[in-house]
Amino acid sequence: MTGRQVTLYTRQLCGLCDAAAAELRRLAGPLSFSLVEFDIDEDAGLRAQYNDIVPVIAVDETVIAHAPVDVAGLRAALAEALAR
């Protein structure tokens, strides 16, 4: 893995979040990134920022996707963001 980090802002009992997490785990190896997940309901600031748009996916602090996540286009968005 490289030093690049992809962050998934999520919450429990969120089907969209579960689907995004599964796809990110599948892509982590081929695209060489580490995945970190944060439950927004454990942080008032994150909840205020992302409450209505989870799941939110960020590469090095830059949001590249949020709900509804286009799973088909996620790989291309990640590859582009990771290449920067």
Protein backbone atom coordinates (compact mmCIF):
# COMPACT_ATOMS: atom_id res chain seq x y z
CA MET A 1 0.00 0.00 0.00
CA THR A 2 1.07 3.55 -0.60
CA GLY A 3 0.72 6.45 1.79
CA ARG A 4 -2.53 7.55 0.16
CA GLN A 5 -5.58 7.37 2.33
CA VAL A 6 -9.22 7.15 1.36
CA THR A 7 -11.70 8.07 4.07
CA LEU A 8 -15.26 6.82 4.21
CA TYR A 9 -17.62 8.84 6.39
CA THR A 10 -20.45 6.52 7.29
CA ARG A 11 -23.01 5.60 9.92
CA GLN A 12 -24.53 2.41 11.25
CA LEU A 13 -27.60 0.92 9.58
CA CYS A 14 -26.88 2.73 6.31
CA GLY A 15 -27.26 0.45 3.30
CA LEU A 16 -25.64 2.98 0.96
CA CYS A 17 -22.70 3.19 3.35
CA ASP A 18 -22.36 -0.59 3.43
CA ALA A 19 -22.33 -0.76 -0.38
CA ALA A 20 -19.73 2.02 -0.62
CA ALA A 21 -17.55 0.33 2.01
CA ALA A 22 -17.67 -2.99 0.18
CA GLU A 23 -16.67 -1.36 -3.10
CA LEU A 24 -13.86 0.61 -1.47
CA ARG A 25 -12.48 -2.53 0.18
CA ARG A 26 -12.55 -4.25 -3.20
CA LEU A 27 -10.68 -1.35 -4.86
CA ALA A 28 -8.11 -0.73 -2.09
CA GLY A 29 -5.65 -3.35 -3.37
CA PRO A 30 -5.83 -2.63 -7.10
CA LEU A 31 -5.66 1.15 -6.57
CA SER A 32 -3.12 0.98 -3.70
CA PHE A 33 -4.80 2.98 -0.96
CA SER A 34 -5.62 2.45 2.68
CA LEU A 35 -9.21 2.81 3.80
CA VAL A 36 -10.21 4.56 7.02
CA GLU A 37 -13.82 4.68 8.16
CA PHE A 38 -15.41 7.23 10.48
CA ASP A 39 -18.89 6.95 11.95
CA ILE A 40 -20.24 10.49 11.72
CA ASP A 41 -22.63 9.87 14.61
CA GLU A 42 -19.66 9.66 16.97
CA ASP A 43 -18.56 13.23 16.18
CA ALA A 44 -20.93 16.20 16.31
CA GLY A 45 -18.86 18.18 13.78
CA LEU A 46 -18.85 15.36 11.23
CA ARG A 47 -22.55 14.76 11.80
CA ALA A 48 -23.31 18.44 11.17
CA GLN A 49 -21.16 18.44 8.04
CA TYR A 50 -22.22 15.15 6.44
CA ASN A 51 -25.55 14.14 8.03
CA ASP A 52 -27.65 14.35 4.87
CA ILE A 53 -25.08 13.07 2.36
CA VAL A 54 -23.51 9.90 3.82
CA PRO A 55 -21.73 7.96 2.61
CA VAL A 56 -19.01 10.51 1.89
CA ILE A 57 -15.72 9.46 0.31
CA ALA A 58 -12.62 11.63 0.57
CA VAL A 59 -9.06 11.29 -0.71
CA ASP A 60 -6.54 13.14 1.43
CA GLU A 61 -9.29 15.34 2.91
CA THR A 62 -10.86 16.20 -0.49
CA VAL A 63 -14.41 14.88 -0.95
CA ILE A 64 -14.68 13.01 -4.26
CA ALA A 65 -18.12 11.40 -3.83
CA HIS A 66 -21.16 11.41 -1.59
CA ALA A 67 -24.61 9.89 -1.56
CA PRO A 68 -25.87 8.68 -3.82
CA VAL A 69 -22.51 7.14 -4.75
CA ASP A 70 -22.17 6.09 -8.38
CA VAL A 71 -20.50 2.74 -7.73
CA ALA A 72 -19.77 2.29 -11.44
CA GLY A 73 -17.97 5.64 -11.60
CA LEU A 74 -16.25 5.33 -8.23
CA ARG A 75 -13.17 3.53 -9.57
CA ALA A 76 -12.54 6.28 -12.15
CA ALA A 77 -13.07 9.05 -9.57
CA LEU A 78 -10.69 7.35 -7.15
CA ALA A 79 -8.05 6.69 -9.79
CA GLU A 80 -8.15 10.34 -10.85
CA ALA A 81 -7.96 11.64 -7.27
CA LEU A 82 -5.16 9.27 -6.34
CA ALA A 83 -3.14 10.31 -9.39
CA ARG A 84 -3.05 13.96 -8.24
